[in-house]
Amino acid sequence: MKTPEARTADGFELQFGTNHLSHFLLFYLLRDLLLASTTPRFASRVVSVSSAAYRYSPVSKELEGKGGLYLEGACVAGPVPPDGDLIE
């Protein structure tokens, strides 16, 4: 979707920040509450859902990340640490 050029308070492209980074921030902010509410009968969980619409559009290197953010993310991405600490 073509949106006007805008940035988040942290300097990320706004659509990337909204559609991708905000999900990680929401989980990070809720993490302690989710862990505290886990009981032997109820395991807290986070379910991420995405659209299958990406399948109907070809990959375009020019649009990938609107500034290389997707490429950078692919380079630094790795498994989640065992303690679940994603932010240092």
Protein backbone atom coordinates (compact mmCIF):
# COMPACT_ATOMS: atom_id res chain seq x y z
CA MET A 1 0.00 0.00 0.00
CA LYS A 2 1.39 3.38 -0.98
CA THR A 3 1.41 5.73 1.99
CA PRO A 4 2.90 9.21 2.39
CA GLU A 5 6.51 9.26 3.60
CA ALA A 6 6.54 9.46 7.40
CA ARG A 7 8.74 8.25 10.26
CA THR A 8 8.10 6.85 13.72
CA ALA A 9 9.49 8.64 16.77
CA ASP A 10 12.44 6.22 16.58
CA GLY A 11 13.14 7.04 12.93
CA PHE A 12 11.72 3.95 11.25
CA GLU A 13 9.53 4.21 8.16
CA LEU A 14 5.99 4.58 9.58
CA GLN A 15 4.28 1.74 7.72
CA PHE A 16 7.10 -0.67 8.62
CA GLY A 17 6.92 0.48 12.25
CA THR A 18 3.16 0.03 12.37
CA ASN A 19 2.85 -3.23 10.46
CA HIS A 20 5.92 -5.04 11.79
CA LEU A 21 7.75 -3.48 14.73
CA SER A 22 4.63 -2.60 16.73
CA HIS A 23 3.80 -6.31 17.16
CA PHE A 24 7.14 -6.91 18.87
CA LEU A 25 6.69 -3.84 21.06
CA LEU A 26 3.22 -4.97 22.12
CA PHE A 27 4.55 -8.42 23.07
CA TYR A 28 7.46 -6.85 24.97
CA LEU A 29 5.11 -4.60 26.93
CA LEU A 30 2.76 -7.50 27.77
CA ARG A 31 5.45 -10.12 28.41
CA ASP A 32 5.64 -9.79 32.21
CA LEU A 33 1.85 -9.84 32.54
CA LEU A 34 1.57 -12.91 30.31
CA LEU A 35 4.24 -14.77 32.26
CA ALA A 36 2.67 -13.80 35.61
CA SER A 37 -0.77 -15.01 34.51
CA THR A 38 0.43 -18.47 33.48
CA THR A 39 -0.87 -21.25 35.74
CA PRO A 40 -0.63 -25.05 35.63
CA ARG A 41 -4.08 -25.10 33.99
CA PHE A 42 -3.62 -22.10 31.69
CA ALA A 43 -0.56 -21.34 29.61
CA SER A 44 -0.44 -17.77 28.36
CA ARG A 45 0.38 -17.50 24.70
CA VAL A 46 0.77 -15.04 21.88
CA VAL A 47 -0.66 -15.92 18.49
CA SER A 48 0.57 -13.95 15.49
CA VAL A 49 -1.63 -13.90 12.43
CA SER A 50 -0.76 -12.55 9.01
CA SER A 51 -2.42 -12.19 5.65
CA ALA A 52 -1.84 -14.58 2.78
CA ALA A 53 -2.12 -11.64 0.35
CA TYR A 54 1.67 -11.53 -0.01
CA ARG A 55 1.39 -14.65 -2.18
CA TYR A 56 -0.29 -12.68 -4.96
CA SER A 57 2.42 -10.06 -5.39
CA PRO A 58 5.90 -10.61 -6.83
CA VAL A 59 8.94 -9.81 -4.69
CA SER A 60 10.48 -6.50 -5.64
CA LYS A 61 14.01 -5.72 -4.45
CA GLU A 62 13.29 -1.98 -4.85
CA LEU A 63 10.38 -2.11 -2.40
CA GLU A 64 11.87 -4.56 0.05
CA GLY A 65 11.91 -2.70 3.33
CA LYS A 66 11.63 0.82 1.88
CA GLY A 67 15.22 1.52 2.82
CA GLY A 68 16.72 -1.88 3.39
CA LEU A 69 15.06 -2.55 6.74
CA TYR A 70 13.83 -5.99 5.62
CA LEU A 71 17.26 -6.88 4.30
CA GLU A 72 18.91 -5.67 7.50
CA GLY A 73 16.40 -7.67 9.55
CA ALA A 74 17.10 -10.78 7.52
CA CYS A 75 20.83 -10.38 8.18
CA VAL A 76 20.54 -9.99 11.95
CA ALA A 77 17.57 -12.30 12.51
CA GLY A 78 18.21 -15.42 14.49
CA PRO A 79 16.51 -17.76 16.91
CA VAL A 80 14.84 -16.34 19.99
CA PRO A 81 17.13 -16.68 23.03
CA PRO A 82 16.07 -19.38 25.54
CA ASP A 83 15.24 -16.74 28.17
CA GLY A 84 13.01 -14.96 25.65
CA ASP A 85 14.85 -11.67 26.14
CA LEU A 86 14.66 -10.01 22.74
CA ILE A 87 15.65 -6.52 23.91
CA GLU A 88 18.91 -5.82 25.65
